[in-house]
Amino acid sequence: MGPITTVCRDCLQESAAHPLACGTCGSDRLLYHPELARLEIAHIDCDAFYAAVEKRDNPELLNKPVLVGGATRGVVSTACYIARTFGARSAMPMFKARALCPQAVVIRPDMAKYKRVSGDIRKIFDAATPVVEPLSLDEAFLDLSGTSTLFGRTPAATLAHIAREIERHVRITVSIGLSYNKFLAKIASDFDKPRGFFVIGREDAVQVLHDLPLSRLPSVGPSLADRLKVGGLFSVGDVQRKSEAEMVLRYGDTGQHLARLARGIDHRLVNTNREAKSVSAETTFDSDIALPAELRRRLWPLCERVADRLKAGGLAGGTVTLKLKTNRFKLRTRHQRVSSPTQLAETIFRTAEGLLLKEADGKTKFRLIGVGADNLSDASAPPPPQDLFASAADSEKHHADIEKAMDAVRAKFGKKAIRKGRADA
C-alpha cells in the first residue's frame, strides 16, 4: 500500500487510492491530496461563530438570517451564511446590513457565552495536540507534528476527527485549512467555507496562490494595496513574477515579506505562548452623546470590563488608551502611561477620564467610546520601587484593597451584588 492520500471526513477511513466514495461508510465527503500524509500545520476557523452559537441555542433561528452586533448604530460582529447571501458582512455598519437584509434577526453579542463555547472547543483541540495557538475565540493554529504515532492516523484524519467532535459535542461547524506552514493553513481554511476542509501542499502552493488578490495576504491593508497597484501589482501572481531582490529594492522589508509569502514561504512556528497585546472594551451609543458627564458615566463600566479581563488573565497594563468616534466617524485615540502597571478599574478609569475631559467639550458629539490597557505584563511581577513619601502608592493600595473586597463579594453573590456609586450616576 502506498502513502495515504485520501481520508473520509465522516468515518476517518484512510486510503492510498482516490475513490469517488468511501469504501467503508459510502460517504462522498472525501479529502484527497497527494501530500496529505506529510502536512501537519492547521488553521481551524468556526463558521459564523457568534451566529452559529445563537442558532444552536434557539432552533427557531435556524433558517433565518441572523446578524450579531449593535442594534442600530454599531457594526456587525457576525453575519450568518443566510444573511451573507443578501450582502451583509462582518464589520459592516449595522444600518447598512439591515438595509440589505431587513428581515434579519439582530442579536446583541453575549461574549460570556461565546467565551464558554470557545473553551469547550479548546478542550477538543487540546485532546488532539498540546501545540495550539489561539488567535481569537473562534480560530486557532494547531501543529499536529508527532500525532501520527500517538493516534495511528494522519494529521488530516485527526483534524477530521476534531471537526466531527465539535459538531457532536458543541453543535457548531468549523472549516479547516491544512498545509506545511501557518500562512498557507490560514489561506486554505477560507477556501471551502462553511464546513470545509482544504489542503495546500508544497507542490501546488504557488499555483493556488497565483490568482489571489494581494488583499488576501496578511498585512496588506487598503493603503498598502493601493501603493502596490500603482506599481502594477494586483494579484499574488504579479508578485511571483518579480524577484525577491526587485521587491526589496522597491518596497524594502515589506517587499521581501510579500515576495516570500507569494512563494508560500513562512517560517513562523505555532506559538503556544501567544500573549495578548492589549485588553479593551467599547460601546456604540444608540444616539450621539456630547455631554462630558454622560460620556464619563458610560466610560466606567468599560473600565470594569477591562479590569475583569486583566485580572482573569493575570495581566497588568502599563498604558491606558481612550478611543472615541465622532458622529462624523472620525476616530480619536489617546494614550497615557500609568506610574506602574495596573489591573485596577479605578486606576484605568481615572487615567481615561483625564484623557476624556480633554476631548469632550460639550459640543462635539460622539457615537462610540472605548478604553483599553496596553503594554501588558505579568501582574505578579513586583512593582517598581515607590517614593516612601508618595501618597499615590498609598492611594493605589487603597483602591486595590477596595476592588479585591468587591471582587470577592461579586464572586460569591454575582456581578450586580455590589457596585460603585458612579455606575448609577
Protein backbone atom coordinates (compact mmCIF):
# COMPACT_ATOMS: atom_id res chain seq x y z
CA MET A 1 0.00 0.00 0.00
CA GLY A 2 1.33 3.44 -0.94
CA PRO A 3 1.25 6.61 1.14
CA ILE A 4 -2.09 7.84 2.47
CA THR A 5 -3.65 10.32 0.04
CA THR A 6 -7.37 10.14 0.93
CA VAL A 7 -9.29 10.49 4.20
CA CYS A 8 -13.03 10.09 4.71
CA ARG A 9 -14.21 13.07 6.73
CA ASP A 10 -17.12 11.08 8.16
CA CYS A 11 -15.61 7.76 9.30
CA LEU A 12 -11.90 8.72 9.16
CA GLN A 13 -11.05 5.79 6.89
CA GLU A 14 -7.68 6.35 5.18
CA SER A 15 -6.66 5.11 1.76
CA ALA A 16 -3.83 5.28 -0.75
CA ALA A 17 -6.39 5.24 -3.55
CA HIS A 18 -8.61 8.05 -4.80
CA PRO A 19 -12.14 6.60 -4.78
CA LEU A 20 -15.34 8.52 -5.54
CA ALA A 21 -16.92 7.32 -2.29
CA CYS A 22 -15.69 5.87 0.99
CA GLY A 23 -15.41 2.08 0.80
CA THR A 24 -16.30 1.82 4.50
CA CYS A 25 -19.26 4.17 5.05
CA GLY A 26 -20.19 5.22 1.50
CA SER A 27 -19.69 8.93 2.20
CA ASP A 28 -18.62 11.21 -0.63
CA ARG A 29 -17.02 13.66 1.82
CA LEU A 30 -13.52 12.56 0.90
CA LEU A 31 -10.39 14.64 1.34
CA TYR A 32 -7.72 13.99 -1.28
CA HIS A 33 -4.23 15.40 -1.73
CA PRO A 34 -1.02 13.65 -2.85
CA GLU A 35 0.90 15.20 0.08
CA LEU A 36 -1.80 14.51 2.66
CA ALA A 37 0.32 12.35 4.96
CA ARG A 38 3.18 14.88 5.10
CA LEU A 39 1.26 18.03 6.13
CA GLU A 40 0.96 18.91 9.82
CA ILE A 41 0.09 22.60 10.32
CA ALA A 42 -3.61 23.51 10.50
CA HIS A 43 -5.84 26.52 10.91
CA ILE A 44 -9.34 25.88 12.27
CA ASP A 45 -11.99 28.58 11.98
CA CYS A 46 -15.51 28.33 13.40
CA ASP A 47 -18.18 29.06 10.78
CA ALA A 48 -20.02 32.34 11.57
CA PHE A 49 -19.24 31.61 15.21
CA TYR A 50 -21.46 34.04 17.17
CA ALA A 51 -24.43 33.48 14.86
CA ALA A 52 -23.90 29.70 14.90
CA VAL A 53 -24.00 29.64 18.70
CA GLU A 54 -27.19 31.73 18.74
CA LYS A 55 -28.83 29.39 16.21
CA ARG A 56 -27.73 26.38 18.21
CA ASP A 57 -29.37 27.80 21.33
CA ASN A 58 -32.55 28.89 19.54
CA PRO A 59 -33.64 26.43 16.81
CA GLU A 60 -36.30 28.90 15.61
CA LEU A 61 -33.43 30.92 14.11
CA LEU A 62 -32.04 28.00 12.12
CA ASN A 63 -33.40 29.00 8.70
CA LYS A 64 -33.47 32.75 9.31
CA PRO A 65 -30.83 35.39 8.52
CA VAL A 66 -29.10 36.40 11.75
CA LEU A 67 -26.87 39.40 12.47
CA VAL A 68 -24.97 39.57 15.73
CA GLY A 69 -23.87 43.07 16.73
CA GLY A 70 -25.03 46.51 17.82
CA ALA A 71 -28.75 47.07 17.41
CA THR A 72 -28.70 50.03 15.00
CA ARG A 73 -25.61 52.19 15.27
CA GLY A 74 -22.98 49.54 15.87
CA VAL A 75 -21.26 47.18 13.48
CA VAL A 76 -21.95 43.58 12.54
CA SER A 77 -19.83 41.20 14.62
CA THR A 78 -21.05 38.14 12.71
CA ALA A 79 -23.43 37.61 9.80
CA CYS A 80 -24.73 34.09 9.35
CA TYR A 81 -24.40 32.49 5.93
CA ILE A 82 -28.06 33.15 5.07
CA ALA A 83 -27.59 36.86 5.80
CA ARG A 84 -24.45 36.86 3.66
CA THR A 85 -26.45 35.88 0.61
CA PHE A 86 -28.10 39.32 0.88
CA GLY A 87 -24.72 41.07 1.03
CA ALA A 88 -24.44 41.50 4.81
CA ARG A 89 -20.90 41.04 6.13
CA SER A 90 -18.93 41.16 9.37
CA ALA A 91 -17.55 44.64 10.26
CA MET A 92 -20.26 46.29 8.15
CA PRO A 93 -22.24 49.11 9.81
CA MET A 94 -25.41 47.55 11.19
CA PHE A 95 -27.69 50.07 9.49
CA LYS A 96 -26.23 49.07 6.13
CA ALA A 97 -26.55 45.35 6.84
CA ARG A 98 -30.19 45.82 7.89
CA ALA A 99 -30.90 47.78 4.73
CA LEU A 100 -29.52 44.89 2.66
CA CYS A 101 -31.32 42.27 4.74
CA PRO A 102 -34.31 43.91 6.51
CA GLN A 103 -35.75 40.54 7.53
CA ALA A 104 -32.65 39.65 9.57
CA VAL A 105 -32.91 38.89 13.27
CA VAL A 106 -30.46 41.16 15.13
CA ILE A 107 -28.95 39.83 18.35
CA ARG A 108 -26.65 41.67 20.72
CA PRO A 109 -23.42 39.76 21.41
CA ASP A 110 -23.20 37.62 24.54
CA MET A 111 -19.43 37.48 24.96
CA ALA A 112 -19.56 35.46 28.18
CA LYS A 113 -21.46 32.71 26.38
CA TYR A 114 -19.16 32.76 23.37
CA LYS A 115 -16.15 32.51 25.65
CA ARG A 116 -17.62 29.42 27.34
CA VAL A 117 -18.24 27.78 23.97
CA SER A 118 -14.72 28.68 22.87
CA GLY A 119 -13.43 26.94 26.00
CA ASP A 120 -15.35 23.78 25.06
CA ILE A 121 -13.75 23.85 21.61
CA ARG A 122 -10.30 24.42 23.09
CA LYS A 123 -10.66 21.23 25.14
CA ILE A 124 -11.19 19.28 21.92
CA PHE A 125 -8.10 20.90 20.40
CA ASP A 126 -6.01 20.11 23.49
CA ALA A 127 -7.05 16.45 23.36
CA ALA A 128 -5.50 16.23 19.90
CA THR A 129 -2.30 18.26 20.34
CA PRO A 130 -0.64 20.39 23.02
CA VAL A 131 0.61 22.82 20.37
CA VAL A 132 -2.33 25.20 19.94
CA GLU A 133 -2.10 28.93 19.18
CA PRO A 134 -5.47 30.64 19.66
CA LEU A 135 -5.97 33.74 17.54
CA SER A 136 -9.40 34.67 18.91
CA LEU A 137 -12.42 32.94 20.42
CA ASP A 138 -13.26 31.26 17.12
CA GLU A 139 -9.96 30.38 15.43
CA ALA A 140 -6.61 28.79 16.18
CA PHE A 141 -3.50 27.29 14.64
CA LEU A 142 -2.62 23.69 15.51
CA ASP A 143 0.66 21.86 15.00
CA LEU A 144 -0.02 18.12 14.72
CA SER A 145 3.61 17.04 14.33
CA GLY A 146 4.11 13.66 16.02
CA THR A 147 0.40 12.90 16.41
CA SER A 148 0.51 10.18 13.73
CA THR A 149 2.43 7.92 16.11
CA LEU A 150 0.16 8.84 19.03
CA PHE A 151 -3.18 8.22 17.29
CA GLY A 152 -2.15 5.87 14.49
CA ARG A 153 -3.59 8.13 11.80
CA THR A 154 -2.54 11.08 9.67
CA PRO A 155 -2.90 14.66 10.95
CA ALA A 156 -5.60 15.08 8.28
CA ALA A 157 -7.66 12.27 9.83
CA THR A 158 -7.13 13.76 13.31
CA LEU A 159 -8.40 17.12 12.04
CA ALA A 160 -11.47 15.41 10.56
CA HIS A 161 -11.97 13.82 13.98
CA ILE A 162 -11.71 17.26 15.66
CA ALA A 163 -14.35 18.69 13.30
CA ARG A 164 -16.62 15.72 13.99
CA GLU A 165 -16.19 16.08 17.77
CA ILE A 166 -17.02 19.79 17.62
CA GLU A 167 -20.17 19.06 15.61
CA ARG A 168 -21.24 16.32 18.01
CA HIS A 169 -20.49 17.98 21.33
CA VAL A 170 -20.53 21.74 20.66
CA ARG A 171 -23.09 21.55 17.81
CA ILE A 172 -21.49 24.08 15.51
CA THR A 173 -19.32 23.59 12.42
CA VAL A 174 -15.75 24.54 11.60
CA SER A 175 -13.66 24.97 8.46
CA ILE A 176 -10.12 23.60 8.31
CA GLY A 177 -7.02 24.53 6.35
CA LEU A 178 -4.08 22.09 6.30
CA SER A 179 -0.62 22.87 4.94
CA TYR A 180 3.07 22.96 5.81
CA ASN A 181 3.07 26.45 7.39
CA LYS A 182 0.76 28.88 9.18
CA PHE A 183 0.27 31.33 6.34
CA LEU A 184 -0.92 28.68 3.89
CA ALA A 185 -3.06 26.92 6.51
CA LYS A 186 -4.87 30.21 7.17
CA ILE A 187 -5.34 30.81 3.43
CA ALA A 188 -6.62 27.25 3.00
CA SER A 189 -9.28 27.49 5.69
CA ASP A 190 -11.01 30.28 3.74
CA PHE A 191 -11.30 28.31 0.51
CA ASP A 192 -14.16 25.97 1.31
CA LYS A 193 -16.47 27.53 3.91
CA PRO A 194 -18.66 26.61 5.67
CA ARG A 195 -17.86 23.11 6.98
CA GLY A 196 -14.89 22.98 4.64
CA PHE A 197 -11.52 21.26 4.59
CA PHE A 198 -8.92 22.48 2.09
CA VAL A 199 -5.32 21.35 1.66
CA ILE A 200 -2.33 23.20 0.19
CA GLY A 201 0.89 21.26 -0.34
CA ARG A 202 4.42 22.22 -1.28
CA GLU A 203 3.94 21.27 -4.91
CA ASP A 204 0.77 23.28 -5.51
CA ALA A 205 1.24 26.29 -3.18
CA VAL A 206 2.45 28.73 -5.85
CA GLN A 207 -0.34 27.72 -8.21
CA VAL A 208 -3.05 28.00 -5.54
CA LEU A 209 -1.82 31.46 -4.52
CA HIS A 210 -1.33 32.77 -8.06
CA ASP A 211 -4.76 34.26 -8.74
CA LEU A 212 -5.50 35.59 -5.26
CA PRO A 213 -5.75 39.36 -4.85
CA LEU A 214 -2.95 40.83 -2.77
CA SER A 215 -5.51 41.90 -0.18
CA ARG A 216 -5.71 38.24 0.86
CA LEU A 217 -2.16 38.38 2.18
CA PRO A 218 -1.71 39.25 5.86
CA SER A 219 -0.61 42.86 6.49
CA VAL A 220 -1.86 44.06 3.09
CA GLY A 221 -4.45 46.65 4.05
CA PRO A 222 -6.17 49.18 1.77
CA SER A 223 -3.30 51.68 1.93
CA LEU A 224 -0.59 49.18 1.01
CA ALA A 225 -2.85 47.59 -1.61
CA ASP A 226 -3.25 50.99 -3.31
CA ARG A 227 0.50 51.53 -3.21
CA LEU A 228 1.11 48.13 -4.79
CA LYS A 229 -1.45 48.81 -7.52
CA VAL A 230 0.48 51.94 -8.50
CA GLY A 231 3.43 49.62 -9.05
CA GLY A 232 1.34 47.32 -11.22
CA LEU A 233 0.87 44.64 -8.56
CA PHE A 234 -2.73 43.46 -8.23
CA SER A 235 -2.52 39.72 -7.60
CA VAL A 236 -0.16 37.33 -5.86
CA GLY A 237 0.86 36.15 -9.32
CA ASP A 238 2.10 39.66 -10.11
CA VAL A 239 4.45 39.43 -7.13
CA GLN A 240 5.52 35.91 -8.09
CA ARG A 241 6.77 37.30 -11.41
CA LYS A 242 9.09 39.69 -9.55
CA SER A 243 12.31 38.51 -7.95
CA GLU A 244 12.75 38.98 -4.22
CA ALA A 245 15.57 41.44 -4.96
CA GLU A 246 13.24 43.56 -7.14
CA MET A 247 10.60 43.62 -4.41
CA VAL A 248 13.16 44.62 -1.77
CA LEU A 249 14.55 47.37 -3.97
CA ARG A 250 11.12 48.93 -4.43
CA TYR A 251 9.34 48.16 -1.15
CA GLY A 252 12.08 47.37 1.38
CA ASP A 253 11.32 44.86 4.14
CA THR A 254 7.66 44.83 3.12
CA GLY A 255 8.68 43.78 -0.38
CA GLN A 256 10.77 40.92 0.95
CA HIS A 257 7.89 39.78 3.16
CA LEU A 258 5.43 39.80 0.25
CA ALA A 259 7.86 38.07 -2.11
CA ARG A 260 8.27 35.19 0.33
CA LEU A 261 4.57 34.84 1.10
CA ALA A 262 3.80 34.82 -2.63
CA ARG A 263 6.01 31.73 -2.91
CA GLY A 264 4.47 30.04 0.11
CA ILE A 265 7.39 30.74 2.46
CA ASP A 266 6.57 31.28 6.14
CA HIS A 267 8.95 30.12 8.89
CA ARG A 268 6.80 31.10 11.89
CA LEU A 269 6.15 28.37 14.46
CA VAL A 270 2.80 27.68 16.09
CA ASN A 271 3.20 29.68 19.29
CA THR A 272 1.56 28.18 22.38
CA ASN A 273 2.67 31.18 24.47
CA ARG A 274 0.97 33.78 22.34
CA GLU A 275 0.31 36.78 24.54
CA ALA A 276 -2.40 39.36 24.26
CA LYS A 277 -1.04 42.75 23.18
CA SER A 278 -3.92 44.68 24.69
CA VAL A 279 -7.22 44.28 26.50
CA SER A 280 -10.06 46.60 25.57
CA ALA A 281 -13.80 47.19 25.64
CA GLU A 282 -16.01 49.62 23.76
CA THR A 283 -19.64 50.50 23.20
CA THR A 284 -21.57 52.24 20.43
CA PHE A 285 -24.34 54.55 21.66
CA ASP A 286 -27.93 54.32 20.47
CA SER A 287 -27.82 58.09 19.96
CA ASP A 288 -24.90 60.51 19.83
CA ILE A 289 -23.60 61.89 23.16
CA ALA A 290 -21.89 65.25 23.70
CA LEU A 291 -22.24 65.84 27.46
CA PRO A 292 -18.96 65.08 29.29
CA ALA A 293 -20.84 63.80 32.35
CA GLU A 294 -22.77 61.25 30.27
CA LEU A 295 -19.62 60.14 28.45
CA ARG A 296 -17.92 59.75 31.82
CA ARG A 297 -20.81 57.60 33.06
CA ARG A 298 -20.54 55.33 30.00
CA LEU A 299 -16.77 55.03 30.50
CA TRP A 300 -16.85 53.45 33.96
CA PRO A 301 -18.45 50.05 33.11
CA LEU A 302 -15.98 49.66 30.25
CA CYS A 303 -13.11 50.18 32.68
CA GLU A 304 -14.59 47.48 34.92
CA ARG A 305 -14.80 45.07 31.97
CA VAL A 306 -11.17 45.70 31.06
CA ALA A 307 -10.10 45.27 34.68
CA ASP A 308 -12.02 41.98 34.97
CA ARG A 309 -10.28 40.61 31.88
CA LEU A 310 -6.87 41.71 33.13
CA LYS A 311 -7.45 40.04 36.49
CA ALA A 312 -8.72 36.85 34.85
CA GLY A 313 -5.59 36.70 32.71
CA GLY A 314 -3.16 37.64 35.47
CA LEU A 315 -2.14 40.73 33.48
CA ALA A 316 -1.48 44.40 34.18
CA GLY A 317 -1.44 47.30 31.74
CA GLY A 318 1.29 49.94 31.57
CA THR A 319 -0.66 52.26 29.26
CA VAL A 320 -4.32 53.29 29.18
CA THR A 321 -5.88 54.04 25.80
CA LEU A 322 -9.07 56.04 25.23
CA LYS A 323 -10.96 55.58 21.96
CA LEU A 324 -13.65 57.98 20.73
CA LYS A 325 -15.50 58.07 17.43
CA THR A 326 -17.35 61.24 16.48
CA ASN A 327 -20.76 61.36 14.82
CA ARG A 328 -18.85 62.06 11.59
CA PHE A 329 -16.98 58.75 12.02
CA LYS A 330 -13.66 60.45 12.86
CA LEU A 331 -11.64 58.28 15.21
CA ARG A 332 -9.71 59.83 18.12
CA THR A 333 -7.27 57.65 20.06
CA ARG A 334 -5.38 58.95 23.08
CA HIS A 335 -2.79 57.18 25.27
CA GLN A 336 -1.28 57.74 28.70
CA ARG A 337 1.21 55.70 30.67
CA VAL A 338 0.45 54.89 34.31
CA SER A 339 3.01 55.13 37.09
CA SER A 340 3.16 51.33 37.39
CA PRO A 341 1.33 48.51 35.53
CA THR A 342 -2.22 48.16 36.82
CA GLN A 343 -5.26 45.93 36.60
CA LEU A 344 -7.47 48.18 38.75
CA ALA A 345 -10.67 49.56 37.26
CA GLU A 346 -10.30 52.71 39.38
CA THR A 347 -6.82 53.48 38.03
CA ILE A 348 -7.86 52.76 34.46
CA PHE A 349 -10.91 54.99 34.89
CA ARG A 350 -9.07 57.92 36.45
CA THR A 351 -6.47 57.83 33.68
CA ALA A 352 -9.02 57.51 30.89
CA GLU A 353 -11.22 60.16 32.48
CA GLY A 354 -8.40 62.68 32.26
CA LEU A 355 -7.98 61.89 28.56
CA LEU A 356 -11.74 62.09 28.02
CA LEU A 357 -12.19 65.51 29.60
CA LYS A 358 -9.57 66.93 27.21
CA GLU A 359 -11.62 65.73 24.23
CA ALA A 360 -15.22 66.21 25.39
CA ASP A 361 -16.05 69.91 25.02
CA GLY A 362 -19.82 69.51 25.26
CA LYS A 363 -20.22 70.41 21.58
CA THR A 364 -18.64 67.52 19.70
CA LYS A 365 -20.99 64.56 19.50
CA PHE A 366 -19.65 61.04 19.86
CA ARG A 367 -21.14 57.75 18.70
CA LEU A 368 -18.63 55.38 20.35
CA ILE A 369 -16.37 55.24 23.36
CA GLY A 370 -13.80 52.61 24.26
CA VAL A 371 -10.99 52.03 26.71
CA GLY A 372 -8.03 49.66 26.67
CA ALA A 373 -4.94 48.59 28.56
CA ASP A 374 -1.74 48.20 26.54
CA ASN A 375 1.92 47.33 27.24
CA LEU A 376 0.76 44.27 29.16
CA SER A 377 2.90 42.50 31.72
CA ASP A 378 2.58 39.75 34.31
CA ALA A 379 0.54 41.14 37.20
CA SER A 380 2.53 39.03 39.66
CA ALA A 381 5.77 40.87 38.80
CA PRO A 382 6.91 43.19 41.61
CA PRO A 383 6.04 46.86 41.01
CA PRO A 384 8.83 49.41 40.59
CA PRO A 385 10.08 50.96 43.84
CA GLN A 386 7.94 53.83 45.10
CA ASP A 387 8.92 57.03 46.85
CA LEU A 388 8.42 56.42 50.58
CA PHE A 389 6.65 59.75 50.90
CA ALA A 390 4.45 59.45 47.80
CA SER A 391 0.76 59.38 48.58
CA ALA A 392 -0.01 57.88 45.15
CA ALA A 393 1.31 54.49 46.24
CA ASP A 394 -0.96 54.53 49.30
CA SER A 395 -3.90 55.56 47.14
CA GLU A 396 -3.22 52.71 44.71
CA LYS A 397 -3.10 50.19 47.56
CA HIS A 398 -6.31 51.62 48.98
CA HIS A 399 -8.14 51.17 45.68
CA ALA A 400 -6.65 47.70 45.27
CA ASP A 401 -7.99 46.67 48.68
CA ILE A 402 -11.45 48.02 47.81
CA GLU A 403 -11.57 46.24 44.47
CA LYS A 404 -10.33 42.99 45.99
CA ALA A 405 -13.16 43.12 48.51
CA MET A 406 -15.70 43.95 45.77
CA ASP A 407 -14.41 41.12 43.60
CA ALA A 408 -14.84 38.67 46.48
CA VAL A 409 -18.46 39.77 47.01
CA ARG A 410 -19.22 39.52 43.29
CA ALA A 411 -17.64 36.09 43.03
CA LYS A 412 -19.98 34.86 45.76
CA PHE A 413 -23.20 36.75 45.02
CA GLY A 414 -22.97 37.79 41.36
CA LYS A 415 -21.78 40.77 39.32
CA LYS A 416 -24.65 43.02 40.40
CA ALA A 417 -24.24 42.38 44.13
CA ILE A 418 -22.07 45.45 44.68
CA ARG A 419 -21.29 48.47 42.53
CA LYS A 420 -19.57 51.81 42.87
CA GLY A 421 -21.75 54.89 43.02
CA ARG A 422 -20.57 56.24 39.66
CA ALA A 423 -22.11 53.17 37.99
CA ASP A 424 -25.50 54.74 38.71
CA ALA A 425 -24.50 58.38 38.24
